[in-house]
């Protein structure tokens, strides 16, 4: 069970490790990793003493590493569930797009962290996003889609690039406010455009 930290002068309030991570996630997404300090995280989490965070994490880097791992692990688990439920590549990709657009509306900081925060800023040995377990599984969907004849006979990595180029740019435009409506408002159109780039006609 996660340890909880009692705040000085606030004996009824406790701060969990998850609350520290949530506070840091919002700051990293908004300000970037380098522009966020441990003091910023402490204040955002409602911790009154500097030693508060150290009971959960020794450094800002450790916080960012934990967030990176947690988000990619959760995404990997979600992709496993999606692949179990659906046989065709189109169905699997449709559900992944549903997940990303829902996250953009409901938990935008998660998508901002994935799209904008550079892992090389806090990982000692950064692995390219495409080589992580979650994205290896997504690449496999494209490989199977090409092999099964659902997608055009192009390099599966190129198909990935075409497809997620449209999806990710749409999400980035929503997050930046350049597209003023909710992500859901653009989802159907983004899906049709992205899938239309790679579907075998």
N, C-alpha and C. Protein backbone atom coordinates (compact mmCIF):
# COMPACT_ATOMS: atom_id res chain seq x y z
N UNK A 1 0.85 -1.20 0.00
CA UNK A 1 0.00 0.00 0.00
C UNK A 1 0.88 1.24 0.00
N UNK A 2 0.47 2.25 -0.77
CA UNK A 2 1.29 3.45 -0.88
C UNK A 2 1.35 4.18 0.45
N UNK A 3 2.54 4.64 0.75
CA UNK A 3 2.71 5.42 1.97
C UNK A 3 2.04 6.77 1.80
N UNK A 4 1.51 7.28 2.89
CA UNK A 4 0.89 8.58 2.84
C UNK A 4 1.65 9.52 3.77
N UNK A 5 1.67 10.76 3.36
CA UNK A 5 2.45 11.76 4.09
C UNK A 5 1.49 12.71 4.79
N UNK A 6 1.61 12.81 6.10
CA UNK A 6 0.79 13.77 6.82
C UNK A 6 1.45 15.14 6.74
N UNK A 7 0.65 16.11 6.39
CA UNK A 7 1.16 17.47 6.27
C UNK A 7 1.25 18.14 7.63
N UNK A 8 2.32 18.88 7.81
CA UNK A 8 2.44 19.66 9.03
C UNK A 8 1.34 20.70 9.07
N UNK A 9 0.78 20.89 10.23
CA UNK A 9 -0.30 21.87 10.47
C UNK A 9 -1.59 21.47 9.77
N UNK A 10 -1.60 20.31 9.10
CA UNK A 10 -2.84 19.84 8.47
C UNK A 10 -2.94 18.34 8.76
N UNK A 11 -3.17 17.99 9.99
CA UNK A 11 -3.10 16.58 10.39
C UNK A 11 -4.13 15.70 9.69
N UNK A 12 -5.21 16.26 9.18
CA UNK A 12 -6.24 15.45 8.56
C UNK A 12 -6.01 15.25 7.07
N UNK A 13 -5.01 15.92 6.52
CA UNK A 13 -4.76 15.81 5.08
C UNK A 13 -3.53 14.97 4.83
N UNK A 14 -3.66 14.04 3.90
CA UNK A 14 -2.52 13.22 3.53
C UNK A 14 -2.30 13.33 2.03
N UNK A 15 -1.06 13.15 1.62
CA UNK A 15 -0.70 13.23 0.21
C UNK A 15 -0.11 11.88 -0.20
N UNK A 16 -0.71 11.27 -1.17
CA UNK A 16 -0.22 9.97 -1.64
C UNK A 16 0.78 10.16 -2.77
N UNK A 17 1.44 9.10 -3.11
CA UNK A 17 2.38 9.12 -4.23
C UNK A 17 1.65 9.49 -5.53
N UNK A 18 0.45 8.94 -5.70
CA UNK A 18 -0.33 9.24 -6.92
C UNK A 18 -0.67 10.73 -7.02
N UNK A 19 -0.94 11.36 -5.88
CA UNK A 19 -1.26 12.79 -5.91
C UNK A 19 -0.05 13.62 -6.30
N UNK A 20 1.13 13.20 -5.86
CA UNK A 20 2.36 13.87 -6.27
C UNK A 20 2.54 13.71 -7.79
N UNK A 21 2.31 12.50 -8.29
CA UNK A 21 2.45 12.25 -9.72
C UNK A 21 1.45 13.07 -10.53
N UNK A 22 0.23 13.16 -10.05
CA UNK A 22 -0.79 13.93 -10.77
C UNK A 22 -0.42 15.41 -10.82
N UNK A 23 0.06 15.93 -9.71
CA UNK A 23 0.47 17.34 -9.68
C UNK A 23 1.63 17.58 -10.64
N UNK A 24 2.60 16.67 -10.64
CA UNK A 24 3.75 16.81 -11.53
C UNK A 24 3.34 16.68 -12.99
N UNK A 25 2.45 15.75 -13.27
CA UNK A 25 2.00 15.54 -14.66
C UNK A 25 1.41 16.81 -15.24
N UNK A 26 0.57 17.48 -14.49
CA UNK A 26 -0.06 18.71 -14.98
C UNK A 26 0.99 19.80 -15.22
N UNK A 27 1.97 19.88 -14.34
CA UNK A 27 3.01 20.90 -14.49
C UNK A 27 3.93 20.58 -15.66
N UNK A 28 4.33 19.33 -15.80
CA UNK A 28 5.20 18.94 -16.92
C UNK A 28 4.49 19.21 -18.25
N UNK A 29 3.20 18.89 -18.30
CA UNK A 29 2.44 19.08 -19.54
C UNK A 29 2.30 20.57 -19.87
N UNK A 30 2.12 21.38 -18.84
CA UNK A 30 1.89 22.82 -19.05
C UNK A 30 3.19 23.59 -19.26
N UNK A 31 4.19 23.32 -18.43
CA UNK A 31 5.41 24.13 -18.42
C UNK A 31 6.62 23.45 -19.05
N UNK A 32 6.54 22.12 -19.22
CA UNK A 32 7.69 21.37 -19.67
C UNK A 32 8.49 20.85 -18.49
N UNK A 33 9.32 19.85 -18.75
CA UNK A 33 10.10 19.23 -17.68
C UNK A 33 11.11 20.21 -17.08
N UNK A 34 11.89 20.86 -17.92
CA UNK A 34 12.97 21.72 -17.43
C UNK A 34 12.43 22.94 -16.68
N UNK A 35 11.28 23.42 -17.07
CA UNK A 35 10.72 24.63 -16.45
C UNK A 35 9.90 24.35 -15.20
N UNK A 36 9.85 23.09 -14.79
CA UNK A 36 9.14 22.71 -13.57
C UNK A 36 10.16 22.36 -12.50
N UNK A 37 9.98 22.92 -11.31
CA UNK A 37 10.90 22.63 -10.21
C UNK A 37 10.21 21.72 -9.18
N UNK A 38 11.01 21.14 -8.31
CA UNK A 38 10.43 20.35 -7.21
C UNK A 38 9.55 21.22 -6.31
N UNK A 39 9.93 22.48 -6.16
CA UNK A 39 9.11 23.40 -5.37
C UNK A 39 7.75 23.60 -6.02
N UNK A 40 7.73 23.73 -7.35
CA UNK A 40 6.46 23.84 -8.07
C UNK A 40 5.58 22.62 -7.80
N UNK A 41 6.19 21.45 -7.85
CA UNK A 41 5.43 20.21 -7.64
C UNK A 41 4.93 20.14 -6.20
N UNK A 42 5.79 20.51 -5.26
CA UNK A 42 5.40 20.53 -3.84
C UNK A 42 4.20 21.44 -3.62
N UNK A 43 4.26 22.63 -4.19
CA UNK A 43 3.16 23.59 -4.02
C UNK A 43 1.87 23.09 -4.67
N UNK A 44 2.00 22.54 -5.89
CA UNK A 44 0.81 22.07 -6.61
C UNK A 44 0.17 20.88 -5.91
N UNK A 45 0.98 20.06 -5.23
CA UNK A 45 0.45 18.90 -4.52
C UNK A 45 -0.09 19.26 -3.15
N UNK A 46 0.16 20.49 -2.71
CA UNK A 46 -0.32 20.92 -1.41
C UNK A 46 0.55 20.45 -0.26
N UNK A 47 1.82 20.17 -0.55
CA UNK A 47 2.76 19.75 0.49
C UNK A 47 3.41 20.99 1.09
N UNK A 48 3.43 21.07 2.41
CA UNK A 48 3.89 22.30 3.05
C UNK A 48 5.39 22.33 3.32
N UNK A 49 6.04 21.18 3.30
CA UNK A 49 7.48 21.16 3.58
C UNK A 49 8.23 20.56 2.40
N UNK A 50 9.47 21.01 2.21
CA UNK A 50 10.29 20.52 1.11
C UNK A 50 10.60 19.04 1.23
N UNK A 51 10.61 18.54 2.46
CA UNK A 51 10.92 17.12 2.66
C UNK A 51 9.75 16.21 2.29
N UNK A 52 8.59 16.82 2.04
CA UNK A 52 7.40 16.02 1.75
C UNK A 52 7.53 15.13 0.54
N UNK A 53 8.02 15.69 -0.55
CA UNK A 53 8.14 14.91 -1.78
C UNK A 53 9.18 13.81 -1.63
N UNK A 54 10.25 14.07 -0.89
CA UNK A 54 11.35 13.10 -0.80
C UNK A 54 10.92 11.79 -0.16
N UNK A 55 9.80 11.78 0.54
CA UNK A 55 9.30 10.52 1.10
C UNK A 55 8.76 9.62 0.00
N UNK A 56 8.44 10.21 -1.15
CA UNK A 56 7.94 9.43 -2.28
C UNK A 56 8.97 9.35 -3.41
N UNK A 57 9.63 10.48 -3.70
CA UNK A 57 10.59 10.55 -4.80
C UNK A 57 11.79 11.39 -4.38
N UNK A 58 12.97 10.92 -4.75
CA UNK A 58 14.18 11.65 -4.37
C UNK A 58 14.47 12.83 -5.28
N UNK A 59 14.08 12.73 -6.56
CA UNK A 59 14.40 13.78 -7.52
C UNK A 59 13.23 14.04 -8.46
N UNK A 60 13.28 15.17 -9.13
CA UNK A 60 12.31 15.49 -10.18
C UNK A 60 12.40 14.46 -11.30
N UNK A 61 13.61 14.04 -11.60
CA UNK A 61 13.83 13.05 -12.65
C UNK A 61 13.09 11.75 -12.33
N UNK A 62 13.13 11.34 -11.07
CA UNK A 62 12.45 10.11 -10.65
C UNK A 62 10.95 10.23 -10.83
N UNK A 63 10.41 11.42 -10.58
CA UNK A 63 8.98 11.64 -10.77
C UNK A 63 8.62 11.50 -12.25
N UNK A 64 9.39 12.15 -13.11
CA UNK A 64 9.14 12.09 -14.55
C UNK A 64 9.27 10.66 -15.08
N UNK A 65 10.26 9.93 -14.58
CA UNK A 65 10.45 8.55 -15.00
C UNK A 65 9.26 7.69 -14.60
N UNK A 66 8.75 7.90 -13.39
CA UNK A 66 7.60 7.13 -12.92
C UNK A 66 6.37 7.44 -13.77
N UNK A 67 6.17 8.72 -14.09
CA UNK A 67 5.04 9.10 -14.94
C UNK A 67 5.15 8.45 -16.31
N UNK A 68 6.31 8.54 -16.90
CA UNK A 68 6.55 7.97 -18.22
C UNK A 68 6.24 6.47 -18.23
N UNK A 69 6.73 5.78 -17.23
CA UNK A 69 6.51 4.34 -17.13
C UNK A 69 5.04 4.02 -16.91
N UNK A 70 4.39 4.76 -16.02
CA UNK A 70 2.98 4.50 -15.71
C UNK A 70 2.08 4.73 -16.92
N UNK A 71 2.32 5.83 -17.63
CA UNK A 71 1.48 6.15 -18.78
C UNK A 71 1.65 5.11 -19.89
N UNK A 72 2.90 4.75 -20.17
CA UNK A 72 3.14 3.77 -21.24
C UNK A 72 2.65 2.38 -20.84
N UNK A 73 2.78 2.03 -19.57
CA UNK A 73 2.26 0.73 -19.11
C UNK A 73 0.73 0.68 -19.24
N UNK A 74 0.07 1.76 -18.83
CA UNK A 74 -1.39 1.82 -18.95
C UNK A 74 -1.84 1.75 -20.40
N UNK A 75 -1.11 2.47 -21.27
CA UNK A 75 -1.44 2.44 -22.69
C UNK A 75 -1.24 1.04 -23.26
N UNK A 76 -0.17 0.38 -22.86
CA UNK A 76 0.11 -0.98 -23.34
C UNK A 76 -1.00 -1.95 -22.92
N UNK A 77 -1.45 -1.83 -21.68
CA UNK A 77 -2.53 -2.69 -21.19
C UNK A 77 -3.82 -2.42 -21.97
N UNK A 78 -4.12 -1.14 -22.22
CA UNK A 78 -5.31 -0.79 -22.98
C UNK A 78 -5.26 -1.36 -24.40
N UNK A 79 -4.09 -1.31 -25.01
CA UNK A 79 -3.94 -1.84 -26.38
C UNK A 79 -4.11 -3.35 -26.38
N UNK A 80 -3.61 -4.03 -25.36
CA UNK A 80 -3.84 -5.48 -25.24
C UNK A 80 -5.33 -5.77 -25.20
N UNK A 81 -6.07 -5.01 -24.39
CA UNK A 81 -7.52 -5.21 -24.28
C UNK A 81 -8.21 -4.96 -25.62
N UNK A 82 -7.80 -3.91 -26.31
CA UNK A 82 -8.39 -3.57 -27.61
C UNK A 82 -8.12 -4.68 -28.62
N UNK A 83 -6.92 -5.19 -28.64
CA UNK A 83 -6.57 -6.25 -29.61
C UNK A 83 -7.31 -7.55 -29.30
N UNK A 84 -7.57 -7.81 -28.03
CA UNK A 84 -8.32 -9.01 -27.67
C UNK A 84 -9.78 -8.91 -28.12
N UNK A 85 -10.32 -7.70 -28.07
CA UNK A 85 -11.74 -7.51 -28.41
C UNK A 85 -12.00 -7.48 -29.91
N UNK A 86 -11.01 -7.12 -30.69
CA UNK A 86 -11.22 -6.88 -32.12
C UNK A 86 -10.24 -7.69 -32.95
N UNK A 87 -10.73 -8.22 -34.06
CA UNK A 87 -9.88 -9.04 -34.92
C UNK A 87 -9.21 -8.21 -36.00
N UNK A 88 -9.96 -7.28 -36.59
CA UNK A 88 -9.44 -6.53 -37.74
C UNK A 88 -8.63 -5.32 -37.31
N UNK A 89 -7.65 -4.99 -38.15
CA UNK A 89 -6.79 -3.83 -37.86
C UNK A 89 -7.62 -2.55 -37.78
N UNK A 90 -8.58 -2.39 -38.67
CA UNK A 90 -9.42 -1.18 -38.66
C UNK A 90 -10.15 -1.02 -37.34
N UNK A 91 -10.67 -2.11 -36.81
CA UNK A 91 -11.40 -2.06 -35.53
C UNK A 91 -10.46 -1.72 -34.38
N UNK A 92 -9.27 -2.30 -34.41
CA UNK A 92 -8.30 -2.02 -33.36
C UNK A 92 -7.86 -0.56 -33.39
N UNK A 93 -7.55 -0.08 -34.59
CA UNK A 93 -7.12 1.33 -34.70
C UNK A 93 -8.25 2.28 -34.32
N UNK A 94 -9.47 1.92 -34.68
CA UNK A 94 -10.61 2.79 -34.34
C UNK A 94 -10.73 2.94 -32.83
N UNK A 95 -10.54 1.84 -32.10
CA UNK A 95 -10.64 1.93 -30.64
C UNK A 95 -9.47 2.69 -30.03
N UNK A 96 -8.29 2.54 -30.61
CA UNK A 96 -7.13 3.31 -30.12
C UNK A 96 -7.37 4.81 -30.33
N UNK A 97 -7.90 5.16 -31.48
CA UNK A 97 -8.24 6.57 -31.74
C UNK A 97 -9.30 7.04 -30.76
N UNK A 98 -10.32 6.22 -30.51
CA UNK A 98 -11.34 6.57 -29.52
C UNK A 98 -10.70 6.88 -28.17
N UNK A 99 -9.75 6.02 -27.76
CA UNK A 99 -9.08 6.20 -26.48
C UNK A 99 -8.30 7.51 -26.44
N UNK A 100 -7.53 7.80 -27.49
CA UNK A 100 -6.70 9.00 -27.51
C UNK A 100 -7.55 10.27 -27.51
N UNK A 101 -8.65 10.27 -28.26
CA UNK A 101 -9.50 11.45 -28.29
C UNK A 101 -10.24 11.63 -26.97
N UNK A 102 -10.64 10.54 -26.35
CA UNK A 102 -11.29 10.63 -25.04
C UNK A 102 -10.32 11.16 -23.99
N UNK A 103 -9.09 10.66 -24.01
CA UNK A 103 -8.07 11.15 -23.08
C UNK A 103 -7.81 12.63 -23.29
N UNK A 104 -7.80 13.07 -24.54
CA UNK A 104 -7.54 14.48 -24.83
C UNK A 104 -8.60 15.38 -24.20
N UNK A 105 -9.84 14.91 -24.19
CA UNK A 105 -10.92 15.69 -23.57
C UNK A 105 -10.95 15.54 -22.05
N UNK A 106 -10.72 14.31 -21.57
CA UNK A 106 -10.91 14.02 -20.14
C UNK A 106 -9.64 14.16 -19.30
N UNK A 107 -8.49 13.89 -19.89
CA UNK A 107 -7.21 13.97 -19.17
C UNK A 107 -6.14 14.49 -20.12
N UNK A 108 -6.28 15.75 -20.56
CA UNK A 108 -5.39 16.27 -21.60
C UNK A 108 -3.92 16.24 -21.25
N UNK A 109 -3.61 16.32 -19.94
CA UNK A 109 -2.20 16.33 -19.54
C UNK A 109 -1.50 15.02 -19.91
N UNK A 110 -2.24 13.91 -19.95
CA UNK A 110 -1.64 12.64 -20.33
C UNK A 110 -1.20 12.67 -21.79
N UNK A 111 -2.07 13.18 -22.66
CA UNK A 111 -1.75 13.25 -24.08
C UNK A 111 -0.65 14.29 -24.32
N UNK A 112 -0.70 15.40 -23.60
CA UNK A 112 0.35 16.41 -23.72
C UNK A 112 1.70 15.83 -23.31
N UNK A 113 1.71 15.04 -22.25
CA UNK A 113 2.96 14.42 -21.80
C UNK A 113 3.50 13.49 -22.88
N UNK A 114 2.61 12.69 -23.50
CA UNK A 114 3.02 11.76 -24.54
C UNK A 114 3.53 12.48 -25.79
N UNK A 115 2.82 13.55 -26.19
CA UNK A 115 3.14 14.21 -27.45
C UNK A 115 4.27 15.23 -27.33
N UNK A 116 4.37 15.91 -26.20
CA UNK A 116 5.23 17.09 -26.13
C UNK A 116 6.44 16.98 -25.20
N UNK A 117 6.33 16.18 -24.12
CA UNK A 117 7.44 16.10 -23.17
C UNK A 117 8.45 15.10 -23.70
N UNK A 118 9.71 15.54 -23.85
CA UNK A 118 10.74 14.70 -24.46
C UNK A 118 11.39 13.82 -23.40
N UNK A 119 11.33 12.52 -23.61
CA UNK A 119 11.84 11.58 -22.61
C UNK A 119 13.36 11.69 -22.44
N UNK A 120 14.05 12.17 -23.48
CA UNK A 120 15.51 12.30 -23.34
C UNK A 120 15.90 13.36 -22.31
N UNK A 121 14.95 14.18 -21.90
CA UNK A 121 15.24 15.19 -20.88
C UNK A 121 15.34 14.59 -19.48
N UNK A 122 14.75 13.40 -19.28
CA UNK A 122 14.76 12.84 -17.92
C UNK A 122 15.13 11.37 -17.85
N UNK A 123 15.23 10.68 -18.98
CA UNK A 123 15.65 9.29 -18.96
C UNK A 123 17.14 9.18 -19.24
N UNK A 124 17.84 8.41 -18.42
CA UNK A 124 19.29 8.25 -18.61
C UNK A 124 19.59 7.56 -19.93
N UNK A 125 18.77 6.56 -20.27
CA UNK A 125 18.93 5.84 -21.54
C UNK A 125 17.59 5.84 -22.26
N UNK A 126 17.23 6.98 -22.87
CA UNK A 126 15.91 7.09 -23.49
C UNK A 126 15.74 6.11 -24.64
N UNK A 127 14.55 5.53 -24.68
CA UNK A 127 14.19 4.63 -25.77
C UNK A 127 13.20 5.37 -26.67
N UNK A 128 13.40 5.34 -27.99
CA UNK A 128 12.44 5.99 -28.87
C UNK A 128 11.03 5.49 -28.59
N UNK A 129 10.06 6.38 -28.66
CA UNK A 129 8.68 6.03 -28.34
C UNK A 129 8.21 4.82 -29.16
N UNK A 130 8.62 4.77 -30.42
CA UNK A 130 8.18 3.67 -31.28
C UNK A 130 8.75 2.32 -30.86
N UNK A 131 9.76 2.33 -29.98
CA UNK A 131 10.35 1.07 -29.52
C UNK A 131 9.82 0.62 -28.17
N UNK A 132 8.92 1.40 -27.57
CA UNK A 132 8.32 0.99 -26.30
C UNK A 132 7.28 -0.10 -26.58
N UNK A 133 6.92 -0.85 -25.52
CA UNK A 133 6.00 -1.98 -25.69
C UNK A 133 4.67 -1.55 -26.31
N UNK A 134 4.13 -0.42 -25.83
CA UNK A 134 2.83 0.03 -26.33
C UNK A 134 2.87 0.30 -27.83
N UNK A 135 3.89 1.00 -28.27
CA UNK A 135 3.95 1.40 -29.68
C UNK A 135 4.43 0.26 -30.57
N UNK A 136 5.16 -0.69 -30.01
CA UNK A 136 5.50 -1.89 -30.77
C UNK A 136 4.22 -2.67 -31.10
N UNK A 137 3.29 -2.70 -30.15
CA UNK A 137 2.01 -3.38 -30.39
C UNK A 137 1.19 -2.65 -31.45
N UNK A 138 1.24 -1.31 -31.42
CA UNK A 138 0.52 -0.54 -32.44
C UNK A 138 1.15 -0.78 -33.81
N UNK A 139 2.47 -0.81 -33.88
CA UNK A 139 3.13 -1.08 -35.16
C UNK A 139 2.72 -2.44 -35.71
N UNK A 140 2.54 -3.41 -34.82
CA UNK A 140 2.14 -4.75 -35.24
C UNK A 140 0.75 -4.73 -35.89
N UNK A 141 -0.11 -3.85 -35.40
CA UNK A 141 -1.43 -3.72 -36.01
C UNK A 141 -1.30 -3.31 -37.47
N UNK A 142 -0.40 -2.38 -37.74
CA UNK A 142 -0.19 -1.94 -39.12
C UNK A 142 0.43 -3.06 -39.96
N UNK A 143 1.36 -3.79 -39.38
CA UNK A 143 1.96 -4.92 -40.10
C UNK A 143 0.90 -5.94 -40.49
N UNK A 144 0.01 -6.26 -39.55
CA UNK A 144 -1.06 -7.22 -39.82
C UNK A 144 -2.07 -6.68 -40.82
N UNK A 145 -2.35 -5.37 -40.72
CA UNK A 145 -3.29 -4.77 -41.65
C UNK A 145 -2.81 -4.82 -43.09
N UNK A 146 -1.52 -4.60 -43.28
CA UNK A 146 -0.94 -4.70 -44.62
C UNK A 146 -0.94 -6.15 -45.08
N UNK A 147 -0.52 -7.05 -44.18
CA UNK A 147 -0.43 -8.47 -44.52
C UNK A 147 -1.81 -9.05 -44.86
N UNK A 148 -2.84 -8.64 -44.12
CA UNK A 148 -4.18 -9.18 -44.33
C UNK A 148 -4.95 -8.50 -45.46
N UNK A 149 -4.33 -7.50 -46.07
CA UNK A 149 -4.97 -6.84 -47.20
C UNK A 149 -5.98 -5.76 -46.83
N UNK A 150 -6.04 -5.38 -45.55
CA UNK A 150 -6.93 -4.28 -45.15
C UNK A 150 -6.34 -2.93 -45.56
N UNK A 151 -5.00 -2.88 -45.56
CA UNK A 151 -4.32 -1.62 -45.85
C UNK A 151 -3.54 -1.75 -47.15
N UNK A 152 -3.22 -0.60 -47.71
CA UNK A 152 -2.43 -0.57 -48.93
C UNK A 152 -1.09 -1.28 -48.73
N UNK A 153 -0.54 -1.81 -49.79
CA UNK A 153 0.72 -2.55 -49.72
C UNK A 153 1.89 -1.57 -49.67
N UNK A 154 2.00 -0.91 -48.54
CA UNK A 154 3.11 0.01 -48.31
C UNK A 154 3.84 -0.42 -47.04
N UNK A 155 4.99 0.14 -46.82
CA UNK A 155 5.74 -0.15 -45.60
C UNK A 155 4.85 0.13 -44.39
N UNK A 156 4.69 -0.86 -43.48
CA UNK A 156 3.82 -0.64 -42.32
C UNK A 156 4.21 0.57 -41.48
N UNK A 157 5.51 0.89 -41.42
CA UNK A 157 5.93 2.06 -40.67
C UNK A 157 5.50 3.34 -41.37
N UNK A 158 5.46 3.31 -42.69
CA UNK A 158 4.96 4.46 -43.44
C UNK A 158 3.46 4.62 -43.21
N UNK A 159 2.74 3.49 -43.18
CA UNK A 159 1.31 3.53 -42.88
C UNK A 159 1.07 4.13 -41.51
N UNK A 160 1.89 3.72 -40.54
CA UNK A 160 1.82 4.29 -39.19
C UNK A 160 2.02 5.80 -39.24
N UNK A 161 3.03 6.23 -40.01
CA UNK A 161 3.36 7.65 -40.10
C UNK A 161 2.21 8.45 -40.69
N UNK A 162 1.63 7.96 -41.79
CA UNK A 162 0.50 8.65 -42.41
C UNK A 162 -0.66 8.76 -41.43
N UNK A 163 -1.00 7.62 -40.83
CA UNK A 163 -2.18 7.54 -39.98
C UNK A 163 -2.03 8.43 -38.74
N UNK A 164 -0.97 8.19 -37.97
CA UNK A 164 -0.83 8.93 -36.72
C UNK A 164 -0.32 10.35 -36.93
N UNK A 165 0.22 10.63 -38.10
CA UNK A 165 0.53 12.02 -38.41
C UNK A 165 -0.72 12.88 -38.35
N UNK A 166 -1.80 12.37 -38.93
CA UNK A 166 -3.09 13.09 -38.92
C UNK A 166 -3.70 13.09 -37.53
N UNK A 167 -3.74 11.93 -36.89
CA UNK A 167 -4.36 11.82 -35.56
C UNK A 167 -3.63 12.70 -34.55
N UNK A 168 -2.31 12.55 -34.47
CA UNK A 168 -1.55 13.30 -33.45
C UNK A 168 -1.57 14.80 -33.70
N UNK A 169 -1.53 15.20 -34.97
CA UNK A 169 -1.56 16.64 -35.25
C UNK A 169 -2.92 17.23 -34.90
N UNK A 170 -3.97 16.48 -35.14
CA UNK A 170 -5.31 16.95 -34.75
C UNK A 170 -5.38 17.13 -33.23
N UNK A 171 -4.88 16.15 -32.49
CA UNK A 171 -4.89 16.24 -31.03
C UNK A 171 -4.04 17.41 -30.55
N UNK A 172 -2.88 17.60 -31.17
CA UNK A 172 -2.01 18.72 -30.79
C UNK A 172 -2.70 20.05 -31.04
N UNK A 173 -3.43 20.15 -32.12
CA UNK A 173 -4.15 21.40 -32.44
C UNK A 173 -5.26 21.66 -31.44
N UNK A 174 -5.92 20.60 -30.97
CA UNK A 174 -6.95 20.75 -29.94
C UNK A 174 -6.31 21.21 -28.63
N UNK A 175 -5.23 20.56 -28.26
CA UNK A 175 -4.57 20.88 -26.99
C UNK A 175 -4.01 22.30 -26.97
N UNK A 176 -3.57 22.78 -28.13
CA UNK A 176 -3.02 24.15 -28.20
C UNK A 176 -4.11 25.20 -28.29
N UNK A 177 -5.35 24.77 -28.53
CA UNK A 177 -6.45 25.71 -28.68
C UNK A 177 -6.65 26.22 -30.09
N UNK A 178 -5.80 25.77 -31.03
CA UNK A 178 -5.96 26.20 -32.42
C UNK A 178 -7.21 25.59 -33.05
N UNK A 179 -7.60 24.43 -32.59
CA UNK A 179 -8.92 23.88 -32.91
C UNK A 179 -9.76 24.10 -31.66
N UNK A 180 -10.78 24.96 -31.74
CA UNK A 180 -11.42 25.47 -30.52
C UNK A 180 -12.44 24.54 -29.85
N UNK A 181 -12.88 23.49 -30.54
CA UNK A 181 -13.89 22.62 -29.96
C UNK A 181 -13.23 21.45 -29.23
N UNK A 182 -14.06 20.57 -28.67
CA UNK A 182 -13.53 19.39 -28.00
C UNK A 182 -12.91 18.44 -29.02
N UNK A 183 -12.02 17.57 -28.55
CA UNK A 183 -11.42 16.58 -29.44
C UNK A 183 -12.50 15.72 -30.09
N UNK A 184 -13.52 15.38 -29.32
CA UNK A 184 -14.59 14.53 -29.84
C UNK A 184 -15.25 15.15 -31.07
N UNK A 185 -15.29 16.47 -31.13
CA UNK A 185 -15.93 17.15 -32.26
C UNK A 185 -15.21 16.87 -33.58
N UNK A 186 -13.93 16.55 -33.51
CA UNK A 186 -13.13 16.34 -34.71
C UNK A 186 -12.81 14.87 -34.96
N UNK A 187 -13.25 14.03 -34.05
CA UNK A 187 -12.81 12.63 -34.08
C UNK A 187 -13.23 11.90 -35.36
N UNK A 188 -14.50 11.99 -35.72
CA UNK A 188 -14.99 11.25 -36.88
C UNK A 188 -14.26 11.69 -38.16
N UNK A 189 -14.09 12.98 -38.31
CA UNK A 189 -13.42 13.50 -39.51
C UNK A 189 -11.95 13.11 -39.54
N UNK A 190 -11.29 13.18 -38.38
CA UNK A 190 -9.88 12.80 -38.32
C UNK A 190 -9.72 11.32 -38.63
N UNK A 191 -10.61 10.50 -38.10
CA UNK A 191 -10.55 9.06 -38.37
C UNK A 191 -10.71 8.78 -39.87
N UNK A 192 -11.71 9.36 -40.48
CA UNK A 192 -11.95 9.11 -41.90
C UNK A 192 -10.76 9.53 -42.75
N UNK A 193 -10.17 10.65 -42.42
CA UNK A 193 -9.02 11.15 -43.18
C UNK A 193 -7.80 10.25 -42.98
N UNK A 194 -7.52 9.89 -41.71
CA UNK A 194 -6.36 9.06 -41.41
C UNK A 194 -6.50 7.67 -42.02
N UNK A 195 -7.65 7.06 -41.83
CA UNK A 195 -7.88 5.71 -42.37
C UNK A 195 -7.90 5.74 -43.90
N UNK A 196 -8.41 6.80 -44.46
CA UNK A 196 -8.46 6.92 -45.92
C UNK A 196 -7.08 6.96 -46.56
N UNK A 197 -6.07 7.38 -45.78
CA UNK A 197 -4.69 7.42 -46.31
C UNK A 197 -4.09 6.04 -46.49
N UNK A 198 -4.58 5.07 -45.74
CA UNK A 198 -3.89 3.77 -45.72
C UNK A 198 -4.78 2.60 -46.13
N UNK A 199 -6.10 2.79 -46.17
CA UNK A 199 -6.99 1.67 -46.47
C UNK A 199 -6.81 1.22 -47.92
N UNK A 200 -6.91 -0.08 -48.10
CA UNK A 200 -6.85 -0.64 -49.45
C UNK A 200 -8.19 -0.43 -50.13
N UNK A 201 -8.17 0.21 -51.28
CA UNK A 201 -9.43 0.57 -51.95
C UNK A 201 -9.67 -0.30 -53.17
